Protein backbone atom coordinates (compact mmCIF):
# COMPACT_ATOMS: atom_id res chain seq x y z
CA MET A 1 -1.18 -40.02 15.61
CA TRP A 2 1.99 -40.99 13.57
CA SER A 3 5.34 -40.80 14.18
CA ARG A 4 8.41 -40.71 12.37
CA SER A 5 10.58 -43.74 13.58
CA ASP A 6 7.58 -45.88 13.03
CA LEU A 7 7.25 -44.63 9.37
CA LYS A 8 10.69 -45.06 8.60
CA GLU A 9 10.78 -48.10 10.33
CA ARG A 10 7.67 -49.55 8.40
CA ALA A 11 9.63 -48.10 4.91
CA LYS A 12 12.62 -49.87 5.52
CA ARG A 13 11.05 -53.16 6.07
CA ALA A 14 8.95 -52.65 3.08
CA PHE A 15 11.35 -51.60 0.86
CA THR A 16 14.42 -53.92 1.51
CA ARG A 17 11.90 -56.90 1.73
CA ASN A 18 12.10 -56.37 -2.25
CA TYR A 19 15.09 -54.56 -2.57
CA TRP A 20 16.04 -54.24 -6.54
CA PRO A 21 12.95 -53.29 -8.05
CA MET A 22 12.54 -50.49 -5.46
CA VAL A 23 16.04 -49.22 -6.68
CA LEU A 24 14.61 -48.61 -9.46
CA VAL A 25 11.24 -47.33 -8.44
CA GLY A 26 13.41 -44.37 -6.22
CA VAL A 27 15.33 -44.01 -9.46
CA ILE A 28 12.02 -43.08 -11.53
CA MET A 29 10.29 -41.15 -8.73
CA MET A 30 13.54 -39.25 -7.85
CA MET A 31 13.62 -38.44 -12.15
CA CYS A 32 10.29 -37.14 -11.79
CA ALA A 33 10.75 -35.06 -8.46
CA GLY A 34 13.40 -33.04 -10.10
CA GLY A 35 15.94 -32.26 -13.09
CA SER A 36 19.44 -31.43 -12.11
CA GLY A 37 20.65 -27.91 -12.94
CA GLY A 38 24.05 -26.83 -14.82
CA SER A 39 25.94 -24.01 -15.61
CA PHE A 40 27.78 -22.30 -18.22
CA GLY A 41 31.52 -22.93 -18.24
CA ARG A 42 32.82 -19.50 -19.39
CA SER A 43 31.50 -16.01 -17.75
CA ALA A 44 28.81 -13.35 -18.75
CA GLN A 45 32.12 -10.83 -19.22
CA ASN A 46 33.69 -13.00 -21.95
CA ILE A 47 30.48 -13.76 -23.96
CA GLN A 48 29.94 -9.47 -23.48
CA LYS A 49 33.98 -9.32 -25.19
CA GLU A 50 32.80 -11.95 -28.00
CA TYR A 51 30.03 -10.04 -28.85
CA GLN A 52 32.11 -6.69 -29.00
CA ASN A 53 34.25 -8.28 -31.86
CA MET A 54 30.96 -9.04 -34.36
CA ASP A 55 28.80 -7.61 -36.57
CA ALA A 56 24.98 -6.70 -35.19
CA SER A 57 23.88 -9.48 -37.97
CA THR A 58 26.02 -11.85 -36.70
CA VAL A 59 24.69 -11.23 -33.21
CA TYR A 60 21.26 -11.39 -34.30
CA LEU A 61 21.33 -14.28 -36.11
CA ILE A 62 23.35 -16.06 -33.04
CA LEU A 63 20.38 -14.92 -30.91
CA THR A 64 17.91 -15.66 -32.86
CA VAL A 65 19.33 -19.71 -33.43
CA VAL A 66 19.86 -19.70 -29.86
CA GLY A 67 16.30 -18.75 -29.31
CA ILE A 68 14.89 -21.38 -31.07
CA ALA A 69 17.16 -23.54 -29.71
CA VAL A 70 15.50 -22.66 -26.07
CA LEU A 71 11.63 -22.65 -27.35
CA ILE A 72 12.38 -26.35 -29.04
CA ALA A 73 13.88 -26.97 -25.68
CA MET A 74 11.26 -26.02 -23.81
CA VAL A 75 8.50 -27.51 -25.62
CA ILE A 76 10.44 -31.47 -25.46
CA GLY A 77 10.51 -30.83 -21.75
CA LEU A 78 7.00 -30.15 -21.35
CA LEU A 79 6.51 -33.56 -23.65
CA LEU A 80 8.54 -35.29 -21.05
CA CYS A 81 6.74 -33.93 -18.15
CA LEU A 82 3.68 -34.71 -19.31
CA PHE A 83 3.55 -37.82 -21.01
CA VAL A 84 6.83 -39.24 -19.17
CA LYS A 85 7.12 -37.70 -16.09
CA TYR A 86 3.46 -37.70 -14.74
CA PRO A 87 2.30 -40.95 -16.02
CA PHE A 88 5.17 -42.59 -14.37
CA GLU A 89 4.67 -40.62 -11.27
CA VAL A 90 1.06 -42.19 -10.48
CA GLY A 91 2.36 -45.96 -11.42
CA CYS A 92 5.59 -45.43 -9.35
CA SER A 93 3.08 -44.18 -6.54
CA ARG A 94 1.18 -47.20 -6.79
CA PHE A 95 3.90 -49.48 -6.53
CA LEU A 96 5.14 -48.15 -3.44
CA ILE A 97 1.60 -48.64 -1.88
CA ILE A 98 1.05 -51.96 -3.22
CA ASN A 99 4.50 -52.46 -1.32
CA ARG A 100 3.41 -51.39 1.80
CA ARG A 101 1.93 -55.39 2.31
CA VAL A 102 2.62 -57.35 -0.67
CA THR A 103 5.03 -57.40 -3.73
CA PRO A 104 3.71 -55.92 -6.49
CA ASN A 105 4.06 -56.46 -10.03
CA MET A 106 6.74 -54.57 -11.92
CA GLY A 107 3.63 -53.58 -14.71
CA GLU A 108 2.73 -51.47 -12.04
CA ILE A 109 4.87 -48.69 -12.54
CA VAL A 110 3.49 -47.82 -15.73
CA PHE A 111 -0.25 -48.31 -14.56
CA GLY A 112 -0.17 -44.03 -15.53
CA TYR A 113 -0.96 -45.57 -19.19
CA LYS A 114 -3.45 -47.75 -18.08
CA GLY A 115 -5.70 -46.00 -16.56
CA SER A 116 -6.98 -42.23 -17.11
CA LEU A 117 -3.93 -40.87 -18.93
CA LYS A 118 -5.57 -37.50 -19.96
CA ASN A 119 -7.35 -37.11 -16.74
CA ASN A 120 -3.73 -37.60 -14.50
CA ILE A 121 -2.19 -35.69 -16.82
CA LYS A 122 -4.65 -32.77 -16.21
CA ILE A 123 -4.31 -33.04 -12.35
CA LEU A 124 -1.31 -32.85 -11.92
CA PHE A 125 -0.24 -30.30 -14.66
CA LEU A 126 -3.08 -28.08 -12.42
CA ARG A 127 -1.09 -29.19 -9.32
CA ASP A 128 2.54 -28.42 -10.47
CA LEU A 129 0.82 -24.89 -12.11
CA TYR A 130 -0.34 -24.04 -8.89
CA VAL A 131 2.39 -24.73 -6.75
CA PHE A 132 4.47 -22.26 -9.24
CA LEU A 133 1.72 -19.48 -9.29
CA TRP A 134 1.78 -19.49 -5.35
CA SER A 135 5.58 -20.04 -5.20
CA LEU A 136 5.61 -16.13 -6.98
CA LEU A 137 4.39 -15.30 -3.77
CA PHE A 138 7.82 -14.96 -2.57
CA ILE A 139 8.20 -19.06 -2.43
CA ILE A 140 6.63 -19.99 1.12
CA PRO A 141 3.06 -20.17 0.08
CA GLY A 142 4.82 -22.46 -3.10
CA ILE A 143 6.22 -24.87 -0.86
CA VAL A 144 3.23 -24.56 1.94
CA LYS A 145 1.11 -26.05 -1.25
CA SER A 146 3.26 -28.44 -2.50
CA TYR A 147 2.72 -30.20 1.01
CA GLU A 148 -0.59 -29.60 0.55
CA TYR A 149 -0.87 -31.29 -2.68
CA ARG A 150 1.42 -34.03 -1.82
CA MET A 151 -1.28 -36.80 -1.42
CA ILE A 152 -2.75 -36.08 -5.33
CA PRO A 153 -0.54 -38.89 -7.14
CA TYR A 154 -0.85 -41.28 -4.77
CA LEU A 155 -4.53 -40.80 -4.89
CA LEU A 156 -4.80 -40.86 -8.72
CA ALA A 157 -2.95 -44.27 -8.23
CA GLU A 158 -6.03 -45.36 -6.16
CA ASN A 159 -8.57 -44.10 -8.33
CA PRO A 160 -7.24 -42.39 -11.86
CA ASP A 161 -10.86 -41.05 -12.04
CA LEU A 162 -10.86 -38.61 -9.56
CA THR A 163 -11.95 -35.01 -10.72
CA VAL A 164 -9.67 -32.11 -10.22
CA LYS A 165 -11.98 -30.91 -7.24
CA GLU A 166 -12.02 -34.70 -5.50
CA ALA A 167 -8.19 -34.89 -5.81
CA PHE A 168 -7.21 -31.16 -4.37
CA GLU A 169 -10.08 -31.69 -1.42
CA ILE A 170 -9.04 -34.64 -0.78
CA SER A 171 -5.05 -34.30 -0.65
CA LYS A 172 -5.96 -31.28 1.17
CA ARG A 173 -7.61 -32.85 3.87
CA MET A 174 -5.46 -35.81 4.12
CA MET A 175 -2.43 -32.95 5.09
CA SER A 176 -4.64 -30.68 7.04
CA GLY A 177 -2.68 -30.51 10.44
CA GLU A 178 -0.03 -32.64 9.15
CA LYS A 179 2.55 -30.33 6.87
CA TRP A 180 4.50 -29.07 9.56
CA ASN A 181 4.84 -32.93 11.29
CA THR A 182 5.36 -33.75 6.80
CA PHE A 183 8.43 -30.84 6.82
CA VAL A 184 10.04 -32.28 9.74
CA LEU A 185 10.08 -35.99 8.31
CA ASP A 186 11.25 -34.72 5.60
CA LEU A 187 14.42 -33.36 7.21
CA SER A 188 15.08 -35.98 9.04
CA PHE A 189 16.35 -37.49 5.62
CA ILE A 190 18.79 -34.37 5.16
CA GLY A 191 21.73 -36.47 6.41
CA TRP A 192 21.20 -39.37 3.82
CA ALA A 193 20.94 -36.66 1.12
CA LEU A 194 24.23 -35.12 2.26
CA LEU A 195 25.87 -38.56 2.07
CA SER A 196 24.65 -39.23 -1.69
CA GLY A 197 25.77 -35.97 -2.61
CA ILE A 198 29.08 -37.12 -1.34
CA THR A 199 29.09 -40.83 -2.72
CA LEU A 200 28.08 -39.19 -6.34
CA GLY A 201 24.35 -40.43 -5.97
CA LEU A 202 25.67 -43.98 -4.78
CA VAL A 203 23.84 -43.88 -1.43
CA GLY A 204 21.16 -42.12 -3.27
CA ILE A 205 20.61 -45.02 -5.77
CA PHE A 206 20.83 -48.13 -3.46
CA TRP A 207 19.19 -46.59 -0.38
CA TYR A 208 18.16 -43.07 -0.05
CA ASN A 209 15.87 -42.84 -2.71
CA PRO A 210 13.88 -46.02 -1.92
CA TYR A 211 13.77 -45.44 1.42
CA TYR A 212 12.87 -41.98 1.00
CA PHE A 213 9.92 -42.57 -1.42
CA GLN A 214 8.70 -45.80 0.77
CA THR A 215 8.18 -43.52 3.65
CA ASN A 216 6.04 -41.21 1.84
CA ALA A 217 4.00 -43.68 0.77
CA GLU A 218 3.55 -44.69 4.41
CA LEU A 219 2.96 -41.94 4.68
CA TYR A 220 -0.19 -41.71 3.05
CA GLY A 221 -1.23 -44.89 4.88
CA ALA A 222 -1.04 -43.14 7.92
CA LEU A 223 -2.94 -40.63 6.59
CA SER A 224 -5.62 -42.14 4.43
CA ALA A 225 -7.91 -42.51 7.72
CA LYS A 226 -8.12 -38.61 7.76
CA GLY A 227 -11.16 -39.36 4.83
CA ASN A 228 -9.33 -40.92 1.93
CA PRO A 229 -12.60 -43.29 0.63
CA TYR A 230 -10.04 -45.13 -2.23
CA PHE A 231 -7.06 -46.33 0.55
CA GLU A 232 -5.90 -49.49 -0.83
CA ARG A 233 -8.21 -49.98 -4.04
CA SER A 234 -4.70 -50.64 -5.43
CA MET A 235 -4.85 -53.50 -3.98
CA GLN A 236 -7.88 -55.68 -5.05
CA ASN A 237 -5.94 -57.97 -7.60
CA TYR A 238 -3.38 -58.64 -4.77
CA PRO A 239 -3.78 -61.90 -2.27
CA GLY A 240 -4.84 -59.75 1.60
CA GLY A 241 -6.10 -56.98 -1.11
CA MET A 242 -9.84 -55.57 -1.19
CA ASN A 243 -12.47 -58.22 -0.53
CA PRO A 244 -15.58 -58.36 -2.81
CA GLY A 245 -17.75 -56.14 -0.25
CA GLY A 246 -15.23 -53.65 -0.63
CA SER A 247 -13.29 -53.88 2.89
CA TYR A 248 -9.50 -54.90 3.12
CA PRO A 249 -8.33 -57.38 5.50
CA GLY A 250 -6.08 -55.73 8.13
CA GLY A 251 -7.03 -52.94 6.55
CA MET A 252 -8.96 -49.99 7.89
CA ASN A 253 -11.70 -51.02 9.93
CA PRO A 254 -15.18 -48.89 9.25
CA GLY A 255 -14.12 -46.37 11.67
CA GLY A 256 -11.09 -45.46 9.90
CA SER A 257 -9.10 -46.96 12.69
CA TYR A 258 -6.80 -49.95 11.61
CA PRO A 259 -6.96 -53.35 13.85
CA GLY A 260 -4.39 -53.63 16.29
CA GLY A 261 -3.69 -49.87 16.58
CA PRO A 262 -3.98 -46.48 14.24
CA TYR A 263 -1.29 -47.92 11.25
CA PRO A 264 -1.82 -50.62 8.95
CA ASN A 265 0.27 -53.84 9.79
C-alpha cells in the first residue's frame, strides 16, 4: 500500500537532485497536459449590432473566412497533438521513470520519436478519444476513464511496442482500486496550483510542475507491482539498471515486492 506522503517525499528528492532538467521536463509535460483557454474581448451583443449594419454578402464572406480559419486551426492543432504532444508525452514519461533512480540523459525526452512513433500516436490518440466519448456521458465517466488510462504513457515509455489491448489492460489493472486514492493525491497539490496561478505560473514552472509530474512517476513505480511486466525496462542502459537476465538491481523481486518494503528504493 502506497501513501501520498511517501510518494511526494520520494518525488521531491528525485526532482531536486536533477533540478534544472526537471524544470524543462515539467514545462513540456504541462504543455502536453492541456492548453490555455482564451476569451473574446467583445460581447456577443456588440458583434450582433455590427452584423446588422452589413449586407448579407459581407456577412457570408466573413463567416466563410472565419470558418476556414477555424478549420485550418483545428487541423494544425490535431497535427501538433499527433506529432508533437504524444511523442513528447512518452519521452518525458520515460525521463521521469529513470529519474526515480539515476540522472537520465536529456535525449530521453525525444524517445517517443525513436521508438514506435506510429504505435505511440495510435494508442494515445485512442486514449484521448475514449476519454472524450466517455465525457459525453455527463463528464464524470470521462474523469474516471482518464484515471483508468493514466499509466498508458509510462507503459509506452518502457515498451513502445505494446499493443492497444495490452496498454489499456495493464493500465486498467494497475489503476484498479487506486482511482480514488490517485484523485486525492491530485487534490493534495491544489495549494501549489493556486499559488502557481497567483504568481502567474512562476511557482508552477520552478516547483509545482516538476514536483507533480515526478510524483506521478513515483505512483507508476508503486503500482507496477500490480502486474506490470515492463517496469524499469527503460533502466537497462543506466548503471543499476536491468541485468542480462532481466532482473533489476534493487528493483522488484520475482514475487512483485521490493527489497526493504513495498516501494522501490
